[in-house]
Protein backbone atom coordinates (compact mmCIF):
# COMPACT_ATOMS: atom_id res chain seq x y z
CA MET A 1 133.95 76.71 100.40
CA HIS A 2 132.91 76.63 96.76
CA ILE A 3 129.23 76.91 95.91
CA LYS A 4 127.66 76.46 92.52
CA TYR A 5 124.45 78.38 91.95
CA PRO A 6 121.67 75.93 91.06
CA PRO A 7 120.87 76.00 87.32
CA LEU A 8 117.18 75.73 88.18
CA LEU A 9 117.33 78.93 90.27
CA ILE A 10 119.05 80.84 87.46
CA PHE A 11 116.53 79.54 84.93
CA LEU A 12 113.57 80.50 87.12
CA PHE A 13 115.04 83.94 87.73
CA LEU A 14 115.49 84.66 84.02
CA PHE A 15 112.05 83.24 83.26
CA PHE A 16 110.43 85.45 85.90
CA LEU A 17 112.12 88.58 84.58
CA ALA A 18 110.98 87.78 81.05
CA PHE A 19 107.45 87.26 82.36
CA ALA A 20 107.54 90.49 84.35
CA PHE A 21 108.46 92.54 81.30
CA SER A 22 106.20 90.78 78.80
CA SER A 23 103.08 90.91 80.99
CA GLU A 24 103.68 94.51 82.07
CA ALA A 25 103.89 93.32 85.51
CA GLN A 26 105.47 95.03 90.01
CA ILE A 27 107.88 95.01 94.45
CA LEU A 28 112.47 95.60 98.09
CA ASN A 29 113.10 96.28 101.04
CA ILE A 30 110.02 95.47 98.80
CA GLU A 31 107.34 96.80 101.02
CA ARG A 32 109.00 100.21 101.09
CA LEU A 33 108.91 100.38 97.31
CA ARG A 34 105.26 99.49 96.80
CA MET A 35 103.82 102.31 94.77
CA GLU A 36 100.92 104.63 95.44
CA LYS A 37 97.76 102.59 95.78
CA ASP A 38 95.10 103.13 93.12
CA THR A 39 92.60 100.30 92.94
CA ALA A 40 91.02 101.79 89.83
CA LYS A 41 94.13 100.89 87.85
CA HIS A 42 95.33 97.41 86.96
CA PHE A 43 98.78 98.53 85.83
CA GLN A 44 101.08 101.11 87.38
CA PHE A 45 104.57 102.19 86.37
CA LYS A 46 106.89 104.57 88.18
CA THR A 47 110.46 105.61 87.47
CA THR A 48 112.81 108.01 89.27
CA PHE A 49 116.06 109.21 87.70
CA GLY A 50 118.82 111.49 89.04
CA LEU A 51 122.07 112.60 87.42
CA ASN A 52 125.13 114.47 88.77
CA VAL A 53 127.95 115.64 86.49
CA PHE A 54 130.42 118.40 87.29
CA ASN A 55 134.04 119.54 87.10
CA ARG A 56 135.00 121.73 90.07
CA SER A 57 138.75 122.04 90.60
CA ALA A 58 140.93 124.01 92.97
CA GLY A 59 143.74 124.18 90.42
CA ILE A 60 144.63 123.02 86.95
CA GLU A 61 146.89 120.32 88.39
CA ASP A 62 144.16 118.91 90.64
CA PRO A 63 141.05 118.29 88.55
CA VAL A 64 137.93 116.87 90.20
CA ASN A 65 135.46 115.25 87.83
CA LEU A 66 132.32 113.72 89.26
CA PHE A 67 129.79 111.57 87.48
CA GLY A 68 126.90 109.80 89.17
CA TYR A 69 123.39 108.60 88.54
CA ASN A 70 120.57 106.75 90.25
CA LEU A 71 117.68 104.97 88.61
CA ASP A 72 114.57 103.33 90.08
CA VAL A 73 112.07 101.46 87.93
CA ASN A 74 108.96 99.99 89.59
CA ALA A 75 105.93 98.35 88.02
CA ILE A 76 102.90 96.49 89.32
CA TYR A 77 100.24 94.55 87.43
CA TYR A 78 97.17 93.15 89.16
CA PRO A 79 94.51 92.05 86.68
CA LYS A 80 92.40 90.08 89.17
CA ARG A 81 93.18 88.30 92.46
CA HIS A 82 96.97 88.25 92.12
CA ALA A 83 99.66 90.94 91.82
CA TYR A 84 102.82 90.77 89.73
CA VAL A 85 105.61 93.04 90.95
CA PHE A 86 108.88 94.23 89.44
CA VAL A 87 111.36 96.56 91.16
CA SER A 88 114.88 97.62 90.20
CA ASN A 89 117.36 100.17 91.51
CA PHE A 90 120.82 101.19 90.29
CA ASP A 91 123.23 103.69 91.88
CA TYR A 92 126.62 104.66 90.46
CA LEU A 93 129.22 107.29 91.44
CA ARG A 94 132.67 107.93 89.93
CA ILE A 95 135.15 110.61 91.01
CA ASN A 96 137.94 111.13 88.48
CA GLU A 97 138.92 107.58 87.50
CA SER A 98 137.79 105.85 90.70
CA ASP A 99 134.45 104.14 91.23
CA PHE A 100 133.06 105.01 94.68
CA LEU A 101 129.64 103.40 94.39
CA ASN A 102 128.24 100.71 92.14
CA PHE A 103 125.09 99.14 93.56
CA GLY A 104 121.96 97.65 92.11
CA PHE A 105 119.23 95.07 92.36
CA VAL A 106 116.45 93.52 90.34
CA HIS A 107 113.53 91.97 92.20
CA GLY A 108 110.46 90.10 90.98
CA ARG A 109 107.51 88.98 93.09
CA VAL A 110 104.07 87.40 92.80
CA ASN A 111 101.43 88.06 95.47
CA PHE A 112 98.64 85.47 95.47
CA ASN A 113 95.08 86.36 96.60
CA ARG A 114 96.30 89.81 97.55
CA GLU A 115 92.96 91.07 98.87
CA ASN A 116 92.52 88.26 101.39
CA LYS A 117 93.32 88.96 105.04
CA VAL A 118 95.90 86.15 104.85
CA ASN A 119 97.69 85.91 101.49
CA TYR A 120 100.96 84.57 100.10
CA GLU A 121 103.90 85.67 97.98
CA THR A 122 107.01 84.27 96.31
CA TYR A 123 109.99 86.22 95.03
CA LEU A 124 113.39 86.10 93.32
CA GLN A 125 116.16 88.67 93.50
CA TYR A 126 119.56 89.47 92.02
CA SER A 127 121.72 92.22 93.53
CA PHE A 128 125.30 93.48 93.63
CA ASP A 129 127.33 95.97 95.68
CA ASN A 130 130.75 96.14 94.04
CA PHE A 131 132.16 98.80 96.35
CA ARG A 132 131.54 96.53 99.37
CA GLY A 133 132.76 93.45 97.50
CA LEU A 134 129.40 91.71 96.97
CA ASP A 135 128.68 90.33 93.51
CA PRO A 136 126.35 88.64 93.22
CA ARG A 137 123.66 87.96 95.81
CA LEU A 138 120.92 85.62 94.64
CA LEU A 139 117.90 84.75 96.73
CA ALA A 140 114.59 82.98 96.44
CA GLY A 141 111.88 82.89 99.06
CA GLY A 142 108.29 83.28 100.09
CA SER A 143 106.14 84.53 102.93
CA VAL A 144 102.69 84.69 104.44
CA ARG A 145 101.24 88.22 104.53
CA ILE A 146 98.66 89.08 107.17
CA ASN A 147 96.62 92.26 106.68
CA MET A 148 96.28 93.45 110.26
CA VAL A 149 94.60 96.74 109.27
CA LYS A 150 93.42 97.59 105.77
CA ASN A 151 91.29 100.57 104.76
CA ASP A 152 91.40 103.58 102.44
CA ARG A 153 93.94 105.41 104.61
CA VAL A 154 96.03 102.77 106.40
CA ASP A 155 97.62 99.42 105.55
CA PHE A 156 99.35 97.57 108.39
CA ILE A 157 100.89 94.25 107.34
CA LEU A 158 102.79 91.48 109.12
CA GLY A 159 104.96 89.24 106.93
CA LEU A 160 106.33 85.87 108.07
CA GLY A 161 108.52 83.80 105.78
CA GLY A 162 111.87 82.39 104.78
CA LEU A 163 114.42 82.47 101.98
CA GLN A 164 117.49 80.75 100.55
CA GLU A 165 120.39 83.13 99.97
CA TRP A 166 123.57 82.68 97.91
CA GLU A 167 126.32 85.32 98.23
CA THR A 168 129.79 85.84 96.76
CA TRP A 169 132.04 88.30 98.60
CA GLN A 170 135.58 89.54 97.99
CA HIS A 171 137.62 90.12 101.15
CA PRO A 172 138.56 93.87 101.22
CA TYR A 173 142.16 93.21 102.32
CA THR A 174 143.21 89.80 101.04
CA GLU A 175 140.95 89.80 97.93
CA GLU A 176 139.98 86.23 98.83
CA VAL A 177 136.64 85.19 97.34
CA VAL A 178 134.16 83.87 99.94
CA GLN A 179 130.94 82.11 98.95
CA VAL A 180 128.14 81.28 101.36
CA SER A 181 124.69 79.75 101.20
CA LEU A 182 122.21 80.27 104.04
CA ILE A 183 118.60 79.51 104.81
CA LYS A 184 117.06 82.42 106.72
CA SER A 185 113.88 83.40 108.46
CA SER A 186 112.70 86.68 106.92
CA ASN A 187 109.96 88.73 108.61
CA TYR A 188 108.69 92.28 108.41
CA LEU A 189 106.20 94.89 109.61
CA SER A 190 104.86 97.35 107.07
CA LEU A 191 102.83 100.50 107.75
CA ARG A 192 101.46 102.58 104.92
CA ALA A 193 99.48 105.72 105.74
CA THR A 194 97.87 108.31 103.49
CA LEU A 195 97.94 111.45 105.61
CA ASN A 196 95.99 113.55 103.10
CA ASP A 197 95.47 113.89 99.35
CA TYR A 198 99.09 114.95 98.87
CA VAL A 199 101.25 113.08 101.39
CA ASP A 200 101.82 109.32 101.59
CA VAL A 201 104.13 107.65 104.16
CA ASN A 202 105.68 104.17 104.18
CA LEU A 203 107.46 102.65 107.21
CA VAL A 204 108.96 99.16 106.94
CA ASN A 205 111.11 97.11 109.32
CA TYR A 206 112.71 93.81 108.27
CA TYR A 207 114.39 91.19 110.42
CA GLN A 208 116.31 88.26 108.91
CA VAL A 209 118.24 85.57 110.76
CA GLY A 210 119.99 82.38 109.69
CA TYR A 211 122.33 79.86 111.30
CA ASP A 212 125.79 79.61 109.69
CA ARG A 213 127.48 76.27 110.43
CA ASP A 214 130.88 77.64 109.36
CA ILE A 215 130.93 79.96 112.39
CA SER A 216 128.49 77.95 114.57
CA ASP A 217 126.42 81.07 115.18
CA PHE A 218 123.52 83.13 113.87
CA ARG A 219 123.86 85.88 111.30
CA GLN A 220 121.25 88.59 111.76
CA ARG A 221 120.19 91.47 109.55
CA ILE A 222 117.89 94.40 110.42
CA ASN A 223 116.65 96.90 107.88
CA SER A 224 114.46 99.93 108.42
CA SER A 225 113.05 102.21 105.73
CA THR A 226 111.01 105.39 105.70
CA ILE A 227 109.56 106.91 102.54
CA ILE A 228 107.55 110.10 102.23
CA ASN A 229 105.84 110.76 98.89
CA THR A 230 104.47 114.24 98.27
CA LYS A 231 102.26 114.73 95.22
CA ILE A 232 102.89 117.94 93.28
CA THR A 233 100.63 117.26 90.30
CA GLU A 234 98.87 114.20 88.89
CA ARG A 235 102.07 113.26 87.04
CA PHE A 236 104.85 114.53 89.32
CA SER A 237 105.68 113.85 92.95
CA LEU A 238 108.59 114.43 95.33
CA THR A 239 109.99 111.33 97.01
CA ASN A 240 112.19 111.36 100.14
CA SER A 241 113.53 108.11 101.59
CA PHE A 242 115.84 107.06 104.42
CA ASP A 243 117.20 103.51 104.74
CA ILE A 244 119.42 102.01 107.43
CA SER A 245 120.69 98.45 107.60
CA TYR A 246 122.62 96.54 110.29
CA GLU A 247 124.33 93.12 110.15
CA ASN A 248 125.77 91.68 113.34
CA ARG A 249 128.28 89.38 111.58
CA PRO A 250 129.17 90.40 108.00
CA ILE A 251 130.60 87.63 105.83
CA VAL A 252 133.79 89.69 105.28
CA PRO A 253 135.06 92.66 107.37
CA VAL A 254 132.97 95.49 105.95
CA THR A 255 130.99 98.24 107.68
CA ASN A 256 128.07 96.55 109.42
CA VAL A 257 125.87 99.67 109.49
CA ILE A 258 125.01 101.40 106.21
CA PHE A 259 122.45 104.11 105.52
CA ALA A 260 121.22 106.20 102.63
CA PHE A 261 119.08 109.30 102.21
CA ARG A 262 117.56 110.04 98.84
CA THR A 263 115.38 112.77 97.47
CA GLY A 264 114.13 113.01 93.93
CA LEU A 265 111.35 113.89 91.52
CA SER A 266 109.13 111.07 90.29
CA LEU A 267 107.17 110.78 87.06
CA ASN A 268 104.02 108.65 87.23
CA PHE A 269 102.00 107.09 84.41
């Protein structure tokens, strides 16, 4: 099945990115990447960068050269009632001449009337995962956010919404290119708790489901994320995160459970 990505979607995506950068705007799993709350500020920016480079060989005939990096760039801008969110993440790992990991995403979002108990958001996203054969994934969607609990220490949010998703996969064995387009229900629970002046915890669980006519069945995706931020100074903090994702019916035969643990030092402005 051949799918052409709508020109309007591509135009809107590029326009939104331009707007996000020009207005100094912020959110993936978006809820898990919302940054430390500070209502005294109208603009926040946070970036985390890690680099691994080494040559450690058993013998001169068997060199092992490793190069890898990860980069997160998050920004949020909320001048008045609304919030503008930008989030990006890139991970890359190469051992000798082979690429073992090449993953990334760029996500833009607008949250309307963010302080209301019931508020709304729309978003666009581009992502790729070359090692698993996904490039690209485009999606556009929106949701209703319900602030179940909201105070200085705890935010508990229920999100109910939907999205349109376009994916291009390469079969890992036959190299056949498979393109799909699905409408999905996308819902989440988000818990954010400030334990004390130094420790901040984020727990987010997503559930997405859509009916695929090509297989006459539902494709389901579950994602869970945990982030612990520990402030060291006003400018530096230590961030630990664990993500796990499950798909019951992947588009092509790839591992249906993936997880990642990350730890890194963050610089805040």
